[in-house]
PDB file of all heavy atoms in Angstrom:
ATOM      1  N   PHE A   1       0.823  13.898   7.954  1.00  0.00           N
ATOM      2  CA  PHE A   1       0.064  12.761   8.474  1.00  0.00           C
ATOM      3  C   PHE A   1       0.689  11.459   7.992  1.00  0.00           C
ATOM      4  O   PHE A   1       1.432  11.426   7.006  1.00  0.00           O
ATOM      5  CB  PHE A   1      -1.417  12.856   8.109  1.00  0.00           C
ATOM      6  CG  PHE A   1      -1.722  13.006   6.638  1.00  0.00           C
ATOM      7  CD1 PHE A   1      -2.047  11.909   5.856  1.00  0.00           C
ATOM      8  CD2 PHE A   1      -1.706  14.262   6.038  1.00  0.00           C
ATOM      9  CE1 PHE A   1      -2.352  12.054   4.511  1.00  0.00           C
ATOM     10  CE2 PHE A   1      -2.014  14.418   4.690  1.00  0.00           C
ATOM     11  CZ  PHE A   1      -2.327  13.315   3.923  1.00  0.00           C
ATOM     12  N   ASP A   2       0.380  10.379   8.733  1.00  0.00           N
ATOM     13  CA  ASP A   2       1.078   9.122   8.502  1.00  0.00           C
ATOM     14  C   ASP A   2       0.270   8.168   7.624  1.00  0.00           C
ATOM     15  O   ASP A   2      -0.836   8.475   7.171  1.00  0.00           O
ATOM     16  CB  ASP A   2       1.447   8.458   9.834  1.00  0.00           C
ATOM     17  CG  ASP A   2       0.220   8.112  10.682  1.00  0.00           C
ATOM     18  OD1 ASP A   2      -0.916   8.095  10.150  1.00  0.00           O
ATOM     19  OD2 ASP A   2       0.402   7.848  11.884  1.00  0.00           O
ATOM     20  N   ALA A   3       0.861   6.994   7.389  1.00  0.00           N
ATOM     21  CA  ALA A   3       0.255   6.026   6.474  1.00  0.00           C
ATOM     22  C   ALA A   3      -1.067   5.490   6.999  1.00  0.00           C
ATOM     23  O   ALA A   3      -1.999   5.253   6.222  1.00  0.00           O
ATOM     24  CB  ALA A   3       1.236   4.878   6.222  1.00  0.00           C
ATOM     25  N   ASP A   4      -1.174   5.278   8.318  1.00  0.00           N
ATOM     26  CA  ASP A   4      -2.429   4.769   8.873  1.00  0.00           C
ATOM     27  C   ASP A   4      -3.563   5.776   8.684  1.00  0.00           C
ATOM     28  O   ASP A   4      -4.702   5.398   8.372  1.00  0.00           O
ATOM     29  CB  ASP A   4      -2.254   4.437  10.356  1.00  0.00           C
ATOM     30  CG  ASP A   4      -1.427   3.177  10.584  1.00  0.00           C
ATOM     31  OD1 ASP A   4      -1.345   2.353   9.643  1.00  0.00           O
ATOM     32  OD2 ASP A   4      -0.863   3.018  11.676  1.00  0.00           O
ATOM     33  N   THR A   5      -3.256   7.070   8.865  1.00  0.00           N
ATOM     34  CA  THR A   5      -4.264   8.107   8.614  1.00  0.00           C
ATOM     35  C   THR A   5      -4.656   8.115   7.147  1.00  0.00           C
ATOM     36  O   THR A   5      -5.846   8.221   6.804  1.00  0.00           O
ATOM     37  CB  THR A   5      -3.719   9.484   9.025  1.00  0.00           C
ATOM     38  OG1 THR A   5      -3.381   9.465  10.416  1.00  0.00           O
ATOM     39  CG2 THR A   5      -4.738  10.585   8.771  1.00  0.00           C
ATOM     40  N   ALA A   6      -3.671   7.987   6.282  1.00  0.00           N
ATOM     41  CA  ALA A   6      -3.945   7.966   4.835  1.00  0.00           C
ATOM     42  C   ALA A   6      -4.829   6.780   4.457  1.00  0.00           C
ATOM     43  O   ALA A   6      -5.738   6.908   3.631  1.00  0.00           O
ATOM     44  CB  ALA A   6      -2.627   7.932   4.064  1.00  0.00           C
ATOM     45  N   LEU A   7      -4.590   5.635   5.069  1.00  0.00           N
ATOM     46  CA  LEU A   7      -5.397   4.445   4.791  1.00  0.00           C
ATOM     47  C   LEU A   7      -6.830   4.638   5.289  1.00  0.00           C
ATOM     48  O   LEU A   7      -7.796   4.307   4.589  1.00  0.00           O
ATOM     49  CB  LEU A   7      -4.764   3.224   5.456  1.00  0.00           C
ATOM     50  CG  LEU A   7      -5.482   1.882   5.231  1.00  0.00           C
ATOM     51  CD1 LEU A   7      -5.445   1.487   3.758  1.00  0.00           C
ATOM     52  CD2 LEU A   7      -4.845   0.799   6.106  1.00  0.00           C
ATOM     53  N   ARG A   8      -6.968   5.183   6.470  1.00  0.00           N
ATOM     54  CA  ARG A   8      -8.300   5.405   7.042  1.00  0.00           C
ATOM     55  C   ARG A   8      -9.138   6.330   6.161  1.00  0.00           C
ATOM     56  O   ARG A   8     -10.343   6.146   6.014  1.00  0.00           O
ATOM     57  CB  ARG A   8      -8.157   5.990   8.454  1.00  0.00           C
ATOM     58  CG  ARG A   8      -9.470   6.409   9.087  1.00  0.00           C
ATOM     59  CD  ARG A   8      -9.272   6.871  10.521  1.00  0.00           C
ATOM     60  NE  ARG A   8      -8.264   7.915  10.648  1.00  0.00           N
ATOM     61  CZ  ARG A   8      -8.481   9.198  10.368  1.00  0.00           C
ATOM     62  NH1 ARG A   8      -9.657   9.600   9.907  1.00  0.00           N
ATOM     63  NH2 ARG A   8      -7.520  10.085  10.546  1.00  0.00           N
ATOM     64  N   MET A   9      -8.499   7.332   5.559  1.00  0.00           N
ATOM     65  CA  MET A   9      -9.218   8.284   4.711  1.00  0.00           C
ATOM     66  C   MET A   9      -9.490   7.762   3.308  1.00  0.00           C
ATOM     67  O   MET A   9     -10.240   8.373   2.551  1.00  0.00           O
ATOM     68  CB  MET A   9      -8.409   9.585   4.571  1.00  0.00           C
ATOM     69  CG  MET A   9      -8.270  10.393   5.832  1.00  0.00           C
ATOM     70  SD  MET A   9      -7.600  12.033   5.461  1.00  0.00           S
ATOM     71  CE  MET A   9      -6.007  11.640   4.727  1.00  0.00           C
ATOM     72  N   GLY A  10      -8.867   6.655   2.922  1.00  0.00           N
ATOM     73  CA  GLY A  10      -8.975   6.192   1.544  1.00  0.00           C
ATOM     74  C   GLY A  10      -7.973   6.847   0.614  1.00  0.00           C
ATOM     75  O   GLY A  10      -8.046   6.703  -0.610  1.00  0.00           O
ATOM     76  N   PHE A  11      -7.021   7.557   1.205  1.00  0.00           N
ATOM     77  CA  PHE A  11      -5.967   8.239   0.453  1.00  0.00           C
ATOM     78  C   PHE A  11      -5.044   7.220  -0.209  1.00  0.00           C
ATOM     79  O   PHE A  11      -4.559   7.432  -1.312  1.00  0.00           O
ATOM     80  CB  PHE A  11      -5.195   9.105   1.446  1.00  0.00           C
ATOM     81  CG  PHE A  11      -4.535  10.319   0.882  1.00  0.00           C
ATOM     82  CD1 PHE A  11      -5.276  11.319   0.271  1.00  0.00           C
ATOM     83  CD2 PHE A  11      -3.167  10.495   1.018  1.00  0.00           C
ATOM     84  CE1 PHE A  11      -4.662  12.463  -0.216  1.00  0.00           C
ATOM     85  CE2 PHE A  11      -2.545  11.639   0.537  1.00  0.00           C
ATOM     86  CZ  PHE A  11      -3.297  12.610  -0.085  1.00  0.00           C
ATOM     87  N   VAL A  12      -4.772   6.122   0.509  1.00  0.00           N
ATOM     88  CA  VAL A  12      -4.018   4.992  -0.037  1.00  0.00           C
ATOM     89  C   VAL A  12      -4.864   3.738   0.157  1.00  0.00           C
ATOM     90  O   VAL A  12      -5.794   3.722   0.962  1.00  0.00           O
ATOM     91  CB  VAL A  12      -2.635   4.830   0.645  1.00  0.00           C
ATOM     92  CG1 VAL A  12      -1.845   6.123   0.585  1.00  0.00           C
ATOM     93  CG2 VAL A  12      -2.767   4.357   2.089  1.00  0.00           C
ATOM     94  N   GLN A  13      -4.544   2.684  -0.580  1.00  0.00           N
ATOM     95  CA  GLN A  13      -5.379   1.480  -0.534  1.00  0.00           C
ATOM     96  C   GLN A  13      -4.790   0.361   0.310  1.00  0.00           C
ATOM     97  O   GLN A  13      -5.532  -0.472   0.824  1.00  0.00           O
ATOM     98  CB  GLN A  13      -5.621   0.978  -1.962  1.00  0.00           C
ATOM     99  CG  GLN A  13      -6.667   1.774  -2.723  1.00  0.00           C
ATOM    100  CD  GLN A  13      -6.329   3.250  -2.858  1.00  0.00           C
ATOM    101  OE1 GLN A  13      -5.361   3.608  -3.514  1.00  0.00           O
ATOM    102  NE2 GLN A  13      -7.102   4.109  -2.205  1.00  0.00           N
ATOM    103  N   GLU A  14      -3.470   0.313   0.452  1.00  0.00           N
ATOM    104  CA  GLU A  14      -2.837  -0.696   1.305  1.00  0.00           C
ATOM    105  C   GLU A  14      -1.627  -0.074   1.998  1.00  0.00           C
ATOM    106  O   GLU A  14      -0.956   0.793   1.428  1.00  0.00           O
ATOM    107  CB  GLU A  14      -2.374  -1.909   0.501  1.00  0.00           C
ATOM    108  CG  GLU A  14      -3.492  -2.790  -0.021  1.00  0.00           C
ATOM    109  CD  GLU A  14      -2.970  -4.129  -0.532  1.00  0.00           C
ATOM    110  OE1 GLU A  14      -1.783  -4.472  -0.273  1.00  0.00           O
ATOM    111  OE2 GLU A  14      -3.739  -4.845  -1.184  1.00  0.00           O
ATOM    112  N   VAL A  15      -1.347  -0.548   3.219  1.00  0.00           N
ATOM    113  CA  VAL A  15      -0.130  -0.188   3.940  1.00  0.00           C
ATOM    114  C   VAL A  15       0.588  -1.481   4.293  1.00  0.00           C
ATOM    115  O   VAL A  15      -0.011  -2.405   4.849  1.00  0.00           O
ATOM    116  CB  VAL A  15      -0.447   0.609   5.219  1.00  0.00           C
ATOM    117  CG1 VAL A  15       0.840   0.877   6.015  1.00  0.00           C
ATOM    118  CG2 VAL A  15      -1.147   1.918   4.888  1.00  0.00           C
ATOM    119  N   VAL A  16       1.877  -1.542   3.945  1.00  0.00           N
ATOM    120  CA  VAL A  16       2.681  -2.743   4.201  1.00  0.00           C
ATOM    121  C   VAL A  16       3.973  -2.325   4.901  1.00  0.00           C
ATOM    122  O   VAL A  16       4.353  -1.149   4.868  1.00  0.00           O
ATOM    123  CB  VAL A  16       3.006  -3.486   2.890  1.00  0.00           C
ATOM    124  CG1 VAL A  16       1.731  -3.949   2.203  1.00  0.00           C
ATOM    125  CG2 VAL A  16       3.835  -2.621   1.952  1.00  0.00           C
ATOM    126  N   PRO A  17       4.662  -3.262   5.556  1.00  0.00           N
ATOM    127  CA  PRO A  17       5.942  -2.919   6.187  1.00  0.00           C
ATOM    128  C   PRO A  17       6.942  -2.372   5.177  1.00  0.00           C
ATOM    129  O   PRO A  17       6.994  -2.833   4.031  1.00  0.00           O
ATOM    130  CB  PRO A  17       6.410  -4.248   6.786  1.00  0.00           C
ATOM    131  CG  PRO A  17       5.148  -5.038   6.987  1.00  0.00           C
ATOM    132  CD  PRO A  17       4.268  -4.662   5.834  1.00  0.00           C
ATOM    133  N   PHE A  18       7.735  -1.395   5.621  1.00  0.00           N
ATOM    134  CA  PHE A  18       8.746  -0.805   4.734  1.00  0.00           C
ATOM    135  C   PHE A  18       9.646  -1.900   4.168  1.00  0.00           C
ATOM    136  O   PHE A  18      10.097  -2.800   4.872  1.00  0.00           O
ATOM    137  CB  PHE A  18       9.596   0.205   5.495  1.00  0.00           C
ATOM    138  CG  PHE A  18      10.733   0.756   4.676  1.00  0.00           C
ATOM    139  CD1 PHE A  18      10.495   1.615   3.618  1.00  0.00           C
ATOM    140  CD2 PHE A  18      12.052   0.381   4.951  1.00  0.00           C
ATOM    141  CE1 PHE A  18      11.534   2.111   2.848  1.00  0.00           C
ATOM    142  CE2 PHE A  18      13.103   0.878   4.194  1.00  0.00           C
ATOM    143  CZ  PHE A  18      12.841   1.754   3.130  1.00  0.00           C
ATOM    144  N   GLY A  19       9.915  -1.815   2.890  1.00  0.00           N
ATOM    145  CA  GLY A  19      10.720  -2.807   2.194  1.00  0.00           C
ATOM    146  C   GLY A  19       9.894  -3.787   1.393  1.00  0.00           C
ATOM    147  O   GLY A  19      10.405  -4.480   0.511  1.00  0.00           O
ATOM    148  N   GLN A  20       8.593  -3.837   1.687  1.00  0.00           N
ATOM    149  CA  GLN A  20       7.706  -4.757   0.973  1.00  0.00           C
ATOM    150  C   GLN A  20       6.806  -4.052  -0.041  1.00  0.00           C
ATOM    151  O   GLN A  20       6.072  -4.694  -0.788  1.00  0.00           O
ATOM    152  CB  GLN A  20       6.831  -5.521   1.975  1.00  0.00           C
ATOM    153  CG  GLN A  20       7.605  -6.385   2.951  1.00  0.00           C
ATOM    154  CD  GLN A  20       6.691  -7.123   3.922  1.00  0.00           C
ATOM    155  OE1 GLN A  20       5.501  -7.314   3.669  1.00  0.00           O
ATOM    156  NE2 GLN A  20       7.252  -7.541   5.050  1.00  0.00           N
ATOM    157  N   GLU A  21       6.863  -2.709  -0.073  1.00  0.00           N
ATOM    158  CA  GLU A  21       5.877  -1.949  -0.840  1.00  0.00           C
ATOM    159  C   GLU A  21       5.977  -2.167  -2.350  1.00  0.00           C
ATOM    160  O   GLU A  21       4.955  -2.291  -3.041  1.00  0.00           O
ATOM    161  CB  GLU A  21       5.962  -0.455  -0.487  1.00  0.00           C
ATOM    162  CG  GLU A  21       7.294   0.212  -0.780  1.00  0.00           C
ATOM    163  CD  GLU A  21       8.330   0.061   0.335  1.00  0.00           C
ATOM    164  OE1 GLU A  21       8.072  -0.698   1.300  1.00  0.00           O
ATOM    165  OE2 GLU A  21       9.385   0.715   0.228  1.00  0.00           O
ATOM    166  N   ILE A  22       7.192  -2.230  -2.890  1.00  0.00           N
ATOM    167  CA  ILE A  22       7.320  -2.409  -4.340  1.00  0.00           C
ATOM    168  C   ILE A  22       6.914  -3.822  -4.737  1.00  0.00           C
ATOM    169  O   ILE A  22       6.183  -4.025  -5.725  1.00  0.00           O
ATOM    170  CB  ILE A  22       8.744  -2.073  -4.809  1.00  0.00           C
ATOM    171  CG1 ILE A  22       9.043  -0.589  -4.578  1.00  0.00           C
ATOM    172  CG2 ILE A  22       8.920  -2.427  -6.291  1.00  0.00           C
ATOM    173  CD1 ILE A  22      10.460  -0.166  -4.933  1.00  0.00           C
ATOM    174  N   ASP A  23       7.353  -4.809  -3.966  1.00  0.00           N
ATOM    175  CA  ASP A  23       6.971  -6.192  -4.263  1.00  0.00           C
ATOM    176  C   ASP A  23       5.453  -6.358  -4.217  1.00  0.00           C
ATOM    177  O   ASP A  23       4.869  -7.072  -5.041  1.00  0.00           O
ATOM    178  CB  ASP A  23       7.629  -7.151  -3.279  1.00  0.00           C
ATOM    179  CG  ASP A  23       9.124  -7.307  -3.511  1.00  0.00           C
ATOM    180  OD1 ASP A  23       9.590  -6.947  -4.616  1.00  0.00           O
ATOM    181  OD2 ASP A  23       9.823  -7.780  -2.595  1.00  0.00           O
ATOM    182  N   ARG A  24       4.815  -5.705  -3.237  1.00  0.00           N
ATOM    183  CA  ARG A  24       3.362  -5.826  -3.126  1.00  0.00           C
ATOM    184  C   ARG A  24       2.673  -5.168  -4.333  1.00  0.00           C
ATOM    185  O   ARG A  24       1.701  -5.720  -4.866  1.00  0.00           O
ATOM    186  CB  ARG A  24       2.869  -5.183  -1.831  1.00  0.00           C
ATOM    187  CG  ARG A  24       1.354  -5.183  -1.656  1.00  0.00           C
ATOM    188  CD  ARG A  24       0.766  -6.579  -1.768  1.00  0.00           C
ATOM    189  NE  ARG A  24      -0.686  -6.566  -1.587  1.00  0.00           N
ATOM    190  CZ  ARG A  24      -1.508  -7.538  -1.991  1.00  0.00           C
ATOM    191  NH1 ARG A  24      -1.013  -8.614  -2.610  1.00  0.00           N
ATOM    192  NH2 ARG A  24      -2.809  -7.444  -1.772  1.00  0.00           N
ATOM    193  N   ALA A  25       3.184  -4.038  -4.775  1.00  0.00           N
ATOM    194  CA  ALA A  25       2.599  -3.375  -5.942  1.00  0.00           C
ATOM    195  C   ALA A  25       2.746  -4.239  -7.192  1.00  0.00           C
ATOM    196  O   ALA A  25       1.802  -4.360  -7.994  1.00  0.00           O
ATOM    197  CB  ALA A  25       3.252  -2.021  -6.162  1.00  0.00           C
ATOM    198  N   ILE A  26       3.899  -4.874  -7.358  1.00  0.00           N
ATOM    199  CA  ILE A  26       4.097  -5.754  -8.508  1.00  0.00           C
ATOM    200  C   ILE A  26       3.184  -6.970  -8.409  1.00  0.00           C
ATOM    201  O   ILE A  26       2.625  -7.433  -9.420  1.00  0.00           O
ATOM    202  CB  ILE A  26       5.579  -6.159  -8.623  1.00  0.00           C
ATOM    203  CG1 ILE A  26       6.425  -4.936  -9.008  1.00  0.00           C
ATOM    204  CG2 ILE A  26       5.769  -7.277  -9.641  1.00  0.00           C
ATOM    205  CD1 ILE A  26       7.919  -5.169  -8.995  1.00  0.00           C
ATOM    206  N   GLU A  27       2.992  -7.481  -7.177  1.00  0.00           N
ATOM    207  CA  GLU A  27       2.056  -8.594  -6.985  1.00  0.00           C
ATOM    208  C   GLU A  27       0.638  -8.199  -7.410  1.00  0.00           C
ATOM    209  O   GLU A  27      -0.062  -8.962  -8.098  1.00  0.00           O
ATOM    210  CB  GLU A  27       2.073  -9.013  -5.514  1.00  0.00           C
ATOM    211  CG  GLU A  27       1.150 -10.180  -5.200  1.00  0.00           C
ATOM    212  CD  GLU A  27       1.134 -10.525  -3.716  1.00  0.00           C
ATOM    213  OE1 GLU A  27       1.817  -9.845  -2.918  1.00  0.00           O
ATOM    214  OE2 GLU A  27       0.423 -11.483  -3.345  1.00  0.00           O
ATOM    215  N   LEU A  28       0.203  -7.007  -7.016  1.00  0.00           N
ATOM    216  CA  LEU A  28      -1.117  -6.524  -7.431  1.00  0.00           C
ATOM    217  C   LEU A  28      -1.190  -6.350  -8.944  1.00  0.00           C
ATOM    218  O   LEU A  28      -2.205  -6.681  -9.571  1.00  0.00           O
ATOM    219  CB  LEU A  28      -1.440  -5.205  -6.734  1.00  0.00           C
ATOM    220  CG  LEU A  28      -1.705  -5.258  -5.233  1.00  0.00           C
ATOM    221  CD1 LEU A  28      -1.839  -3.844  -4.675  1.00  0.00           C
ATOM    222  CD2 LEU A  28      -2.951  -6.070  -4.923  1.00  0.00           C
ATOM    223  N   ALA A  29      -0.113  -5.824  -9.517  1.00  0.00           N
ATOM    224  CA  ALA A  29      -0.087  -5.635 -10.971  1.00  0.00           C
ATOM    225  C   ALA A  29      -0.230  -6.975 -11.697  1.00  0.00           C
ATOM    226  O   ALA A  29      -0.957  -7.070 -12.704  1.00  0.00           O
ATOM    227  CB  ALA A  29       1.211  -4.941 -11.378  1.00  0.00           C
ATOM    228  N   ARG A  30       0.423  -8.003 -11.189  1.00  0.00           N
ATOM    229  CA  ARG A  30       0.323  -9.323 -11.817  1.00  0.00           C
ATOM    230  C   ARG A  30      -1.101  -9.870 -11.715  1.00  0.00           C
ATOM    231  O   ARG A  30      -1.598 -10.515 -12.641  1.00  0.00           O
ATOM    232  CB  ARG A  30       1.322 -10.285 -11.185  1.00  0.00           C
ATOM    233  CG  ARG A  30       2.769  -9.985 -11.608  1.00  0.00           C
ATOM    234  CD  ARG A  30       3.762 -10.903 -10.959  1.00  0.00           C
ATOM    235  NE  ARG A  30       5.110 -10.619 -11.451  1.00  0.00           N
ATOM    236  CZ  ARG A  30       6.204 -10.700 -10.713  1.00  0.00           C
ATOM    237  NH1 ARG A  30       6.129 -11.060  -9.436  1.00  0.00           N
ATOM    238  NH2 ARG A  30       7.385 -10.414 -11.239  1.00  0.00           N
ATOM    239  N   LYS A  31      -1.760  -9.603 -10.602  1.00  0.00           N
ATOM    240  CA  LYS A  31      -3.150 -10.041 -10.460  1.00  0.00           C
ATOM    241  C   LYS A  31      -4.049  -9.309 -11.450  1.00  0.00           C
ATOM    242  O   LYS A  31      -4.955  -9.906 -12.041  1.00  0.00           O
ATOM    243  CB  LYS A  31      -3.625  -9.801  -9.019  1.00  0.00           C
ATOM    244  CG  LYS A  31      -3.016 -10.754  -8.000  1.00  0.00           C
ATOM    245  CD  LYS A  31      -3.576 -10.518  -6.610  1.00  0.00           C
ATOM    246  CE  LYS A  31      -2.992 -11.503  -5.610  1.00  0.00           C
ATOM    247  NZ  LYS A  31      -3.537 -11.284  -4.235  1.00  0.00           N
ATOM    248  N   ILE A  32      -3.802  -8.010 -11.614  1.00  0.00           N
ATOM    249  CA  ILE A  32      -4.585  -7.249 -12.596  1.00  0.00           C
ATOM    250  C   ILE A  32      -4.361  -7.805 -13.995  1.00  0.00           C
ATOM    251  O   ILE A  32      -5.292  -7.878 -14.813  1.00  0.00           O
ATOM    252  CB  ILE A  32      -4.228  -5.755 -12.521  1.00  0.00           C
ATOM    253  CG1 ILE A  32      -4.686  -5.164 -11.176  1.00  0.00           C
ATOM    254  CG2 ILE A  32      -4.858  -4.980 -13.681  1.00  0.00           C
ATOM    255  CD1 ILE A  32      -4.200  -3.745 -10.927  1.00  0.00           C
TER     256      ILE A  32
END
């Protein structure tokens, strides 16, 4: 199953365009 299905189920919390995922995780980490 794909990322959109995973997001709908609550399996993952955010879906971003490929190439942005690590930067987005670090951005969230900085907010935490």
